[in-house]
Amino acid sequence: MTKEYETFVRDRAHVVSGREVVLTLRDLTPGRKKYRGLNVRAVVSQPPRPGEPLLWLRSVVGVREKTPCSVRIVEDLPDVFEGRPYTDFFAAMARAERR
């Protein structure tokens, strides 16, 4: 069974740029770990590449794109990003990307 993830993005062009980006993925694979969240540094490909897990992109309000991408996870990141509580999550992800 192919692994499948989803992520919420503000700027689709940035995510599907072919460069490494920091993402928070939600695992959609059936089983005990379904809906588990993980922070990763990854490369997203459109159209999906064979052998890579599928990735569904959602807008910040949750609208899912009609076609999936694929994702190649380069590095697992810590469960928590540095930042103040109740601040912009996407800004914390951008800071993690610059490291």
PDB file of N, CA and C in Angstrom:
ATOM      1  N   MET A   1       0.838  -1.182   0.000  1.00  0.00           N
ATOM      2  CA  MET A   1       0.000   0.000   0.000  1.00  0.00           C
ATOM      3  C   MET A   1       0.884   1.245   0.000  1.00  0.00           C
ATOM      4  N   THR A   2       0.555   2.185  -0.853  1.00  0.00           N
ATOM      5  CA  THR A   2       1.316   3.421  -0.978  1.00  0.00           C
ATOM      6  C   THR A   2       1.030   4.342   0.198  1.00  0.00           C
ATOM      7  N   LYS A   3       2.077   4.932   0.757  1.00  0.00           N
ATOM      8  CA  LYS A   3       1.878   5.919   1.818  1.00  0.00           C
ATOM      9  C   LYS A   3       1.258   7.166   1.209  1.00  0.00           C
ATOM     10  N   GLU A   4       0.466   7.847   2.026  1.00  0.00           N
ATOM     11  CA  GLU A   4      -0.231   9.027   1.555  1.00  0.00           C
ATOM     12  C   GLU A   4      -0.238  10.060   2.679  1.00  0.00           C
ATOM     13  N   TYR A   5       0.030  11.320   2.311  1.00  0.00           N
ATOM     14  CA  TYR A   5       0.082  12.416   3.278  1.00  0.00           C
ATOM     15  C   TYR A   5      -0.746  13.587   2.766  1.00  0.00           C
ATOM     16  N   GLU A   6      -1.015  14.535   3.656  1.00  0.00           N
ATOM     17  CA  GLU A   6      -1.578  15.818   3.250  1.00  0.00           C
ATOM     18  C   GLU A   6      -0.890  16.911   4.043  1.00  0.00           C
ATOM     19  N   THR A   7      -0.917  18.118   3.495  1.00  0.00           N
ATOM     20  CA  THR A   7      -0.335  19.274   4.170  1.00  0.00           C
ATOM     21  C   THR A   7      -1.127  20.517   3.784  1.00  0.00           C
ATOM     22  N   PHE A   8      -1.097  21.500   4.653  1.00  0.00           N
ATOM     23  CA  PHE A   8      -1.761  22.778   4.409  1.00  0.00           C
ATOM     24  C   PHE A   8      -0.693  23.780   3.990  1.00  0.00           C
ATOM     25  N   VAL A   9      -0.931  24.499   2.890  1.00  0.00           N
ATOM     26  CA  VAL A   9       0.074  25.420   2.354  1.00  0.00           C
ATOM     27  C   VAL A   9      -0.533  26.782   2.058  1.00  0.00           C
ATOM     28  N   ARG A  10       0.273  27.804   2.224  1.00  0.00           N
ATOM     29  CA  ARG A  10      -0.113  29.165   1.843  1.00  0.00           C
ATOM     30  C   ARG A  10       0.255  29.460   0.406  1.00  0.00           C
ATOM     31  N   ASP A  11       1.452  29.044   0.012  1.00  0.00           N
ATOM     32  CA  ASP A  11       1.991  29.375  -1.309  1.00  0.00           C
ATOM     33  C   ASP A  11       2.343  28.090  -2.053  1.00  0.00           C
ATOM     34  N   ARG A  12       1.441  27.643  -2.907  1.00  0.00           N
ATOM     35  CA  ARG A  12       1.635  26.393  -3.631  1.00  0.00           C
ATOM     36  C   ARG A  12       2.912  26.419  -4.476  1.00  0.00           C
ATOM     37  N   ALA A  13       3.185  27.533  -5.124  1.00  0.00           N
ATOM     38  CA  ALA A  13       4.360  27.650  -5.994  1.00  0.00           C
ATOM     39  C   ALA A  13       5.655  27.430  -5.202  1.00  0.00           C
ATOM     40  N   HIS A  14       5.700  27.915  -3.977  1.00  0.00           N
ATOM     41  CA  HIS A  14       6.889  27.727  -3.140  1.00  0.00           C
ATOM     42  C   HIS A  14       7.081  26.252  -2.797  1.00  0.00           C
ATOM     43  N   VAL A  15       5.997  25.575  -2.486  1.00  0.00           N
ATOM     44  CA  VAL A  15       6.078  24.169  -2.078  1.00  0.00           C
ATOM     45  C   VAL A  15       6.458  23.273  -3.253  1.00  0.00           C
ATOM     46  N   VAL A  16       5.924  23.540  -4.430  1.00  0.00           N
ATOM     47  CA  VAL A  16       6.171  22.695  -5.604  1.00  0.00           C
ATOM     48  C   VAL A  16       7.294  23.288  -6.456  1.00  0.00           C
ATOM     49  N   SER A  17       8.269  23.904  -5.828  1.00  0.00           N
ATOM     50  CA  SER A  17       9.362  24.581  -6.533  1.00  0.00           C
ATOM     51  C   SER A  17      10.495  23.642  -6.937  1.00  0.00           C
ATOM     52  N   GLY A  18      10.498  22.412  -6.419  1.00  0.00           N
ATOM     53  CA  GLY A  18      11.598  21.491  -6.697  1.00  0.00           C
ATOM     54  C   GLY A  18      12.736  21.623  -5.712  1.00  0.00           C
ATOM     55  N   ARG A  19      12.629  22.579  -4.778  1.00  0.00           N
ATOM     56  CA  ARG A  19      13.650  22.756  -3.734  1.00  0.00           C
ATOM     57  C   ARG A  19      13.171  22.114  -2.444  1.00  0.00           C
ATOM     58  N   GLU A  20      14.098  21.939  -1.506  1.00  0.00           N
ATOM     59  CA  GLU A  20      13.725  21.427  -0.190  1.00  0.00           C
ATOM     60  C   GLU A  20      12.907  22.478   0.548  1.00  0.00           C
ATOM     61  N   VAL A  21      11.805  22.049   1.143  1.00  0.00           N
ATOM     62  CA  VAL A  21      10.944  22.930   1.927  1.00  0.00           C
ATOM     63  C   VAL A  21      10.604  22.242   3.241  1.00  0.00           C
ATOM     64  N   VAL A  22      10.238  23.029   4.236  1.00  0.00           N
ATOM     65  CA  VAL A  22       9.806  22.499   5.517  1.00  0.00           C
ATOM     66  C   VAL A  22       8.293  22.391   5.498  1.00  0.00           C
ATOM     67  N   LEU A  23       7.787  21.209   5.834  1.00  0.00           N
ATOM     68  CA  LEU A  23       6.354  20.954   5.828  1.00  0.00           C
ATOM     69  C   LEU A  23       5.933  20.217   7.086  1.00  0.00           C
ATOM     70  N   THR A  24       4.690  20.380   7.457  1.00  0.00           N
ATOM     71  CA  THR A  24       4.072  19.533   8.462  1.00  0.00           C
ATOM     72  C   THR A  24       3.111  18.629   7.718  1.00  0.00           C
ATOM     73  N   LEU A  25       3.388  17.334   7.753  1.00  0.00           N
ATOM     74  CA  LEU A  25       2.587  16.358   7.031  1.00  0.00           C
ATOM     75  C   LEU A  25       1.636  15.653   7.989  1.00  0.00           C
ATOM     76  N   ARG A  26       0.455  15.300   7.472  1.00  0.00           N
ATOM     77  CA  ARG A  26      -0.469  14.461   8.223  1.00  0.00           C
ATOM     78  C   ARG A  26      -0.558  13.143   7.482  1.00  0.00           C
ATOM     79  N   ASP A  27      -0.261  12.049   8.178  1.00  0.00           N
ATOM     80  CA  ASP A  27      -0.244  10.718   7.596  1.00  0.00           C
ATOM     81  C   ASP A  27      -1.682  10.260   7.339  1.00  0.00           C
ATOM     82  N   LEU A  28      -1.996   9.881   6.104  1.00  0.00           N
ATOM     83  CA  LEU A  28      -3.330   9.399   5.749  1.00  0.00           C
ATOM     84  C   LEU A  28      -3.371   7.892   5.537  1.00  0.00           C
ATOM     85  N   THR A  29      -2.248   7.218   5.760  1.00  0.00           N
ATOM     86  CA  THR A  29      -2.173   5.780   5.567  1.00  0.00           C
ATOM     87  C   THR A  29      -3.013   5.080   6.631  1.00  0.00           C
ATOM     88  N   PRO A  30      -3.925   4.173   6.223  1.00  0.00           N
ATOM     89  CA  PRO A  30      -4.746   3.482   7.212  1.00  0.00           C
ATOM     90  C   PRO A  30      -3.893   2.726   8.225  1.00  0.00           C
ATOM     91  N   GLY A  31      -4.378   2.650   9.437  1.00  0.00           N
ATOM     92  CA  GLY A  31      -3.666   1.925  10.484  1.00  0.00           C
ATOM     93  C   GLY A  31      -3.556   2.752  11.744  1.00  0.00           C
ATOM     94  N   ARG A  32      -2.737   2.283  12.669  1.00  0.00           N
ATOM     95  CA  ARG A  32      -2.606   2.924  13.980  1.00  0.00           C
ATOM     96  C   ARG A  32      -2.045   4.332  13.922  1.00  0.00           C
ATOM     97  N   LYS A  33      -1.244   4.648  12.911  1.00  0.00           N
ATOM     98  CA  LYS A  33      -0.601   5.966  12.846  1.00  0.00           C
ATOM     99  C   LYS A  33      -1.347   6.951  11.943  1.00  0.00           C
ATOM    100  N   LYS A  34      -2.544   6.593  11.508  1.00  0.00           N
ATOM    101  CA  LYS A  34      -3.321   7.499  10.653  1.00  0.00           C
ATOM    102  C   LYS A  34      -3.559   8.818  11.379  1.00  0.00           C
ATOM    103  N   TYR A  35      -3.395   9.912  10.666  1.00  0.00           N
ATOM    104  CA  TYR A  35      -3.538  11.297  11.147  1.00  0.00           C
ATOM    105  C   TYR A  35      -2.382  11.749  12.042  1.00  0.00           C
ATOM    106  N   ARG A  36      -1.337  10.951  12.164  1.00  0.00           N
ATOM    107  CA  ARG A  36      -0.149  11.368  12.914  1.00  0.00           C
ATOM    108  C   ARG A  36       0.498  12.525  12.174  1.00  0.00           C
ATOM    109  N   GLY A  37       0.929  13.528  12.890  1.00  0.00           N
ATOM    110  CA  GLY A  37       1.598  14.668  12.290  1.00  0.00           C
ATOM    111  C   GLY A  37       3.105  14.542  12.402  1.00  0.00           C
ATOM    112  N   LEU A  38       3.816  14.971  11.369  1.00  0.00           N
ATOM    113  CA  LEU A  38       5.270  14.973  11.444  1.00  0.00           C
ATOM    114  C   LEU A  38       5.818  16.166  10.678  1.00  0.00           C
ATOM    115  N   ASN A  39       6.851  16.753  11.225  1.00  0.00           N
ATOM    116  CA  ASN A  39       7.545  17.880  10.597  1.00  0.00           C
ATOM    117  C   ASN A  39       8.735  17.332   9.825  1.00  0.00           C
ATOM    118  N   VAL A  40       8.865  17.769   8.576  1.00  0.00           N
ATOM    119  CA  VAL A  40       9.922  17.231   7.714  1.00  0.00           C
ATOM    120  C   VAL A  40      10.510  18.313   6.829  1.00  0.00           C
ATOM    121  N   ARG A  41      11.689  18.039   6.333  1.00  0.00           N
ATOM    122  CA  ARG A  41      12.281  18.783   5.225  1.00  0.00           C
ATOM    123  C   ARG A  41      12.106  17.844   4.034  1.00  0.00           C
ATOM    124  N   ALA A  42      11.482  18.335   2.955  1.00  0.00           N
ATOM    125  CA  ALA A  42      11.113  17.445   1.850  1.00  0.00           C
ATOM    126  C   ALA A  42      11.155  18.165   0.514  1.00  0.00           C
ATOM    127  N   VAL A  43      11.109  17.367  -0.550  1.00  0.00           N
ATOM    128  CA  VAL A  43      11.010  17.874  -1.917  1.00  0.00           C
ATOM    129  C   VAL A  43       9.685  17.368  -2.479  1.00  0.00           C
ATOM    130  N   VAL A  44       8.871  18.289  -2.989  1.00  0.00           N
ATOM    131  CA  VAL A  44       7.557  17.961  -3.535  1.00  0.00           C
ATOM    132  C   VAL A  44       7.635  17.988  -5.060  1.00  0.00           C
ATOM    133  N   SER A  45       7.044  16.986  -5.701  1.00  0.00           N
ATOM    134  CA  SER A  45       7.074  16.885  -7.169  1.00  0.00           C
ATOM    135  C   SER A  45       5.659  16.866  -7.736  1.00  0.00           C
ATOM    136  N   GLN A  46       5.485  17.611  -8.808  1.00  0.00           N
ATOM    137  CA  GLN A  46       4.212  17.630  -9.539  1.00  0.00           C
ATOM    138  C   GLN A  46       4.550  17.478 -11.007  1.00  0.00           C
ATOM    139  N   PRO A  47       4.131  16.458 -11.715  1.00  0.00           N
ATOM    140  CA  PRO A  47       3.245  15.371 -11.317  1.00  0.00           C
ATOM    141  C   PRO A  47       3.966  14.391 -10.388  1.00  0.00           C
ATOM    142  N   PRO A  48       3.196  13.516  -9.718  1.00  0.00           N
ATOM    143  CA  PRO A  48       3.800  12.565  -8.776  1.00  0.00           C
ATOM    144  C   PRO A  48       4.826  11.659  -9.444  1.00  0.00           C
ATOM    145  N   ARG A  49       5.899  11.403  -8.717  1.00  0.00           N
ATOM    146  CA  ARG A  49       6.928  10.492  -9.212  1.00  0.00           C
ATOM    147  C   ARG A  49       6.627   9.080  -8.735  1.00  0.00           C
ATOM    148  N   PRO A  50       6.839   8.083  -9.596  1.00  0.00           N
ATOM    149  CA  PRO A  50       6.593   6.693  -9.188  1.00  0.00           C
ATOM    150  C   PRO A  50       7.493   6.311  -8.015  1.00  0.00           C
ATOM    151  N   GLY A  51       6.928   5.568  -7.086  1.00  0.00           N
ATOM    152  CA  GLY A  51       7.697   5.078  -5.941  1.00  0.00           C
ATOM    153  C   GLY A  51       7.738   6.035  -4.766  1.00  0.00           C
ATOM    154  N   GLU A  52       7.269   7.271  -4.936  1.00  0.00           N
ATOM    155  CA  GLU A  52       7.239   8.227  -3.836  1.00  0.00           C
ATOM    156  C   GLU A  52       5.832   8.301  -3.254  1.00  0.00           C
ATOM    157  N   PRO A  53       5.708   8.581  -1.949  1.00  0.00           N
ATOM    158  CA  PRO A  53       4.388   8.714  -1.339  1.00  0.00           C
ATOM    159  C   PRO A  53       3.598   9.861  -1.972  1.00  0.00           C
ATOM    160  N   LEU A  54       2.286   9.706  -2.018  1.00  0.00           N
ATOM    161  CA  LEU A  54       1.421  10.768  -2.527  1.00  0.00           C
ATOM    162  C   LEU A  54       1.284  11.871  -1.488  1.00  0.00           C
ATOM    163  N   LEU A  55       1.126  13.094  -1.960  1.00  0.00           N
ATOM    164  CA  LEU A  55       0.929  14.246  -1.079  1.00  0.00           C
ATOM    165  C   LEU A  55      -0.225  15.067  -1.623  1.00  0.00           C
ATOM    166  N   TRP A  56      -1.239  15.253  -0.800  1.00  0.00           N
ATOM    167  CA  TRP A  56      -2.373  16.098  -1.147  1.00  0.00           C
ATOM    168  C   TRP A  56      -2.146  17.465  -0.539  1.00  0.00           C
ATOM    169  N   LEU A  57      -2.231  18.494  -1.357  1.00  0.00           N
ATOM    170  CA  LEU A  57      -2.084  19.872  -0.882  1.00  0.00           C
ATOM    171  C   LEU A  57      -3.458  20.437  -0.561  1.00  0.00           C
ATOM    172  N   ARG A  58      -3.537  21.140   0.563  1.00  0.00           N
ATOM    173  CA  ARG A  58      -4.766  21.827   0.959  1.00  0.00           C
ATOM    174  C   ARG A  58      -4.437  23.294   1.181  1.00  0.00           C
ATOM    175  N   SER A  59      -5.396  24.147   0.878  1.00  0.00           N
ATOM    176  CA  SER A  59      -5.220  25.576   1.152  1.00  0.00           C
ATOM    177  C   SER A  59      -5.306  25.787   2.657  1.00  0.00           C
ATOM    178  N   VAL A  60      -4.998  26.988   3.115  1.00  0.00           N
ATOM    179  CA  VAL A  60      -5.037  27.255   4.561  1.00  0.00           C
ATOM    180  C   VAL A  60      -6.449  27.112   5.128  1.00  0.00           C
ATOM    181  N   VAL A  61      -7.471  27.188   4.278  1.00  0.00           N
ATOM    182  CA  VAL A  61      -8.839  26.985   4.759  1.00  0.00           C
ATOM    183  C   VAL A  61      -9.329  25.561   4.502  1.00  0.00           C
ATOM    184  N   GLY A  62      -8.453  24.695   3.997  1.00  0.00           N
ATOM    185  CA  GLY A  62      -8.769  23.274   3.890  1.00  0.00           C
ATOM    186  C   GLY A  62      -9.259  22.771   2.553  1.00  0.00           C
ATOM    187  N   VAL A  63      -9.250  23.591   1.509  1.00  0.00           N
ATOM    188  CA  VAL A  63      -9.706  23.137   0.190  1.00  0.00           C
ATOM    189  C   VAL A  63      -8.614  22.260  -0.429  1.00  0.00           C
ATOM    190  N   ARG A  64      -8.969  21.019  -0.750  1.00  0.00           N
ATOM    191  CA  ARG A  64      -7.999  20.067  -1.291  1.00  0.00           C
ATOM    192  C   ARG A  64      -7.908  20.190  -2.807  1.00  0.00           C
ATOM    193  N   GLU A  65      -6.662  20.165  -3.311  1.00  0.00           N
ATOM    194  CA  GLU A  65      -6.455  20.195  -4.760  1.00  0.00           C
ATOM    195  C   GLU A  65      -6.970  18.912  -5.391  1.00  0.00           C
ATOM    196  N   LYS A  66      -7.325  18.995  -6.667  1.00  0.00           N
ATOM    197  CA  LYS A  66      -7.927  17.866  -7.366  1.00  0.00           C
ATOM    198  C   LYS A  66      -6.932  16.748  -7.666  1.00  0.00           C
ATOM    199  N   THR A  67      -5.647  17.102  -7.868  1.00  0.00           N
ATOM    200  CA  THR A  67      -4.643  16.090  -8.198  1.00  0.00           C
ATOM    201  C   THR A  67      -3.531  16.106  -7.155  1.00  0.00           C
ATOM    202  N   PRO A  68      -2.996  14.934  -6.831  1.00  0.00           N
ATOM    203  CA  PRO A  68      -1.941  14.875  -5.820  1.00  0.00           C
ATOM    204  C   PRO A  68      -0.561  15.187  -6.398  1.00  0.00           C
ATOM    205  N   CYS A  69       0.371  15.419  -5.500  1.00  0.00           N
ATOM    206  CA  CYS A  69       1.798  15.539  -5.814  1.00  0.00           C
ATOM    207  C   CYS A  69       2.458  14.297  -5.220  1.00  0.00           C
ATOM    208  N   SER A  70       3.771  14.258  -5.249  1.00  0.00           N
ATOM    209  CA  SER A  70       4.498  13.241  -4.493  1.00  0.00           C
ATOM    210  C   SER A  70       5.508  13.959  -3.608  1.00  0.00           C
ATOM    211  N   VAL A  71       5.945  13.273  -2.571  1.00  0.00           N
ATOM    212  CA  VAL A  71       6.852  13.883  -1.613  1.00  0.00           C
ATOM    213  C   VAL A  71       8.015  12.933  -1.330  1.00  0.00           C
ATOM    214  N   ARG A  72       9.210  13.501  -1.323  1.00  0.00           N
ATOM    215  CA  ARG A  72      10.422  12.758  -0.934  1.00  0.00           C
ATOM    216  C   ARG A  72      10.931  13.399   0.344  1.00  0.00           C
ATOM    217  N   ILE A  73      10.847  12.664   1.450  1.00  0.00           N
ATOM    218  CA  ILE A  73      11.269  13.186   2.748  1.00  0.00           C
ATOM    219  C   ILE A  73      12.784  13.101   2.845  1.00  0.00           C
ATOM    220  N   VAL A  74      13.412  14.259   3.055  1.00  0.00           N
ATOM    221  CA  VAL A  74      14.863  14.359   3.126  1.00  0.00           C
ATOM    222  C   VAL A  74      15.334  14.232   4.572  1.00  0.00           C
ATOM    223  N   GLU A  75      14.575  14.823   5.493  1.00  0.00           N
ATOM    224  CA  GLU A  75      15.001  14.850   6.897  1.00  0.00           C
ATOM    225  C   GLU A  75      13.772  14.969   7.794  1.00  0.00           C
ATOM    226  N   ASP A  76      13.749  14.184   8.869  1.00  0.00           N
ATOM    227  CA  ASP A  76      12.717  14.342   9.894  1.00  0.00           C
ATOM    228  C   ASP A  76      13.156  15.461  10.821  1.00  0.00           C
ATOM    229  N   LEU A  77      12.240  16.355  11.156  1.00  0.00           N
ATOM    230  CA  LEU A  77      12.526  17.489  12.032  1.00  0.00           C
ATOM    231  C   LEU A  77      11.879  17.261  13.397  1.00  0.00           C
ATOM    232  N   PRO A  78      12.276  18.043  14.406  1.00  0.00           N
ATOM    233  CA  PRO A  78      11.680  17.886  15.734  1.00  0.00           C
ATOM    234  C   PRO A  78      10.164  18.092  15.702  1.00  0.00           C
ATOM    235  N   ASP A  79       9.487  17.541  16.701  1.00  0.00           N
ATOM    236  CA  ASP A  79       8.029  17.647  16.787  1.00  0.00           C
ATOM    237  C   ASP A  79       7.558  19.074  17.040  1.00  0.00           C
ATOM    238  N   VAL A  80       8.439  19.923  17.574  1.00  0.00           N
ATOM    239  CA  VAL A  80       8.047  21.279  17.963  1.00  0.00           C
ATOM    240  C   VAL A  80       8.967  22.282  17.277  1.00  0.00           C
ATOM    241  N   PHE A  81       8.373  23.351  16.712  1.00  0.00           N
ATOM    242  CA  PHE A  81       9.143  24.459  16.163  1.00  0.00           C
ATOM    243  C   PHE A  81       9.312  25.516  17.238  1.00  0.00           C
ATOM    244  N   GLU A  82      10.455  26.206  17.220  1.00  0.00           N
ATOM    245  CA  GLU A  82      10.657  27.306  18.162  1.00  0.00           C
ATOM    246  C   GLU A  82       9.746  28.461  17.805  1.00  0.00           C
ATOM    247  N   GLY A  83       9.121  29.023  18.780  1.00  0.00           N
ATOM    248  CA  GLY A  83       8.233  30.155  18.542  1.00  0.00           C
ATOM    249  C   GLY A  83       7.412  30.460  19.779  1.00  0.00           C
ATOM    250  N   ARG A  84       6.809  31.627  19.781  1.00  0.00           N
ATOM    251  CA  ARG A  84       5.938  31.995  20.887  1.00  0.00           C
ATOM    252  C   ARG A  84       4.559  31.396  20.673  1.00  0.00           C
ATOM    253  N   PRO A  85       3.869  31.014  21.733  1.00  0.00           N
ATOM    254  CA  PRO A  85       2.512  30.485  21.574  1.00  0.00           C
ATOM    255  C   PRO A  85       1.599  31.512  20.900  1.00  0.00           C
ATOM    256  N   TYR A  86       0.675  31.004  20.107  1.00  0.00           N
ATOM    257  CA  TYR A  86      -0.353  31.804  19.434  1.00  0.00           C
ATOM    258  C   TYR A  86       0.210  32.790  18.414  1.00  0.00           C
ATOM    259  N   THR A  87       1.367  32.472  17.834  1.00  0.00           N
ATOM    260  CA  THR A  87       1.893  33.296  16.751  1.00  0.00           C
ATOM    261  C   THR A  87       1.701  32.536  15.445  1.00  0.00           C
ATOM    262  N   ASP A  88       2.152  33.082  14.366  1.00  0.00           N
ATOM    263  CA  ASP A  88       1.936  32.506  13.048  1.00  0.00           C
ATOM    264  C   ASP A  88       2.774  31.236  12.843  1.00  0.00           C
ATOM    265  N   PHE A  89       2.109  30.122  12.639  1.00  0.00           N
ATOM    266  CA  PHE A  89       2.759  28.835  12.438  1.00  0.00           C
ATOM    267  C   PHE A  89       3.600  28.830  11.168  1.00  0.00           C
ATOM    268  N   PHE A  90       3.117  29.464  10.096  1.00  0.00           N
ATOM    269  CA  PHE A  90       3.851  29.476   8.841  1.00  0.00           C
ATOM    270  C   PHE A  90       5.144  30.279   8.968  1.00  0.00           C
ATOM    271  N   ALA A  91       5.167  31.298   9.817  1.00  0.00           N
ATOM    272  CA  ALA A  91       6.406  32.056  10.053  1.00  0.00           C
ATOM    273  C   ALA A  91       7.431  31.171  10.769  1.00  0.00           C
ATOM    274  N   ALA A  92       6.987  30.357  11.706  1.00  0.00           N
ATOM    275  CA  ALA A  92       7.905  29.433  12.395  1.00  0.00           C
ATOM    276  C   ALA A  92       8.471  28.408  11.425  1.00  0.00           C
ATOM    277  N   MET A  93       7.655  27.934  10.499  1.00  0.00           N
ATOM    278  CA  MET A  93       8.136  26.984   9.485  1.00  0.00           C
ATOM    279  C   MET A  93       9.155  27.657   8.575  1.00  0.00           C
ATOM    280  N   ALA A  94       8.941  28.913   8.207  1.00  0.00           N
ATOM    281  CA  ALA A  94       9.877  29.638   7.342  1.00  0.00           C
ATOM    282  C   ALA A  94      11.223  29.799   8.044  1.00  0.00           C
ATOM    283  N   ARG A  95      11.212  30.084   9.345  1.00  0.00           N
ATOM    284  CA  ARG A  95      12.477  30.196  10.092  1.00  0.00           C
ATOM    285  C   ARG A  95      13.201  28.853  10.091  1.00  0.00           C
ATOM    286  N   ALA A  96      12.481  27.763  10.243  1.00  0.00           N
ATOM    287  CA  ALA A  96      13.094  26.429  10.237  1.00  0.00           C
ATOM    288  C   ALA A  96      13.687  26.121   8.855  1.00  0.00           C
ATOM    289  N   GLU A  97      13.082  26.626   7.814  1.00  0.00           N
ATOM    290  CA  GLU A  97      13.569  26.381   6.456  1.00  0.00           C
ATOM    291  C   GLU A  97      14.897  27.074   6.199  1.00  0.00           C
ATOM    292  N   ARG A  98      15.154  28.196   6.828  1.00  0.00           N
ATOM    293  CA  ARG A  98      16.385  28.945   6.608  1.00  0.00           C
ATOM    294  C   ARG A  98      17.587  28.319   7.305  1.00  0.00           C
ATOM    295  N   ARG A  99      17.364  27.395   8.183  1.00  0.00           N
ATOM    296  CA  ARG A  99      18.472  26.766   8.924  1.00  0.00           C
ATOM    297  C   ARG A  99      19.188  25.758   8.104  1.00  0.00           C
TER     298      ARG A  99
END
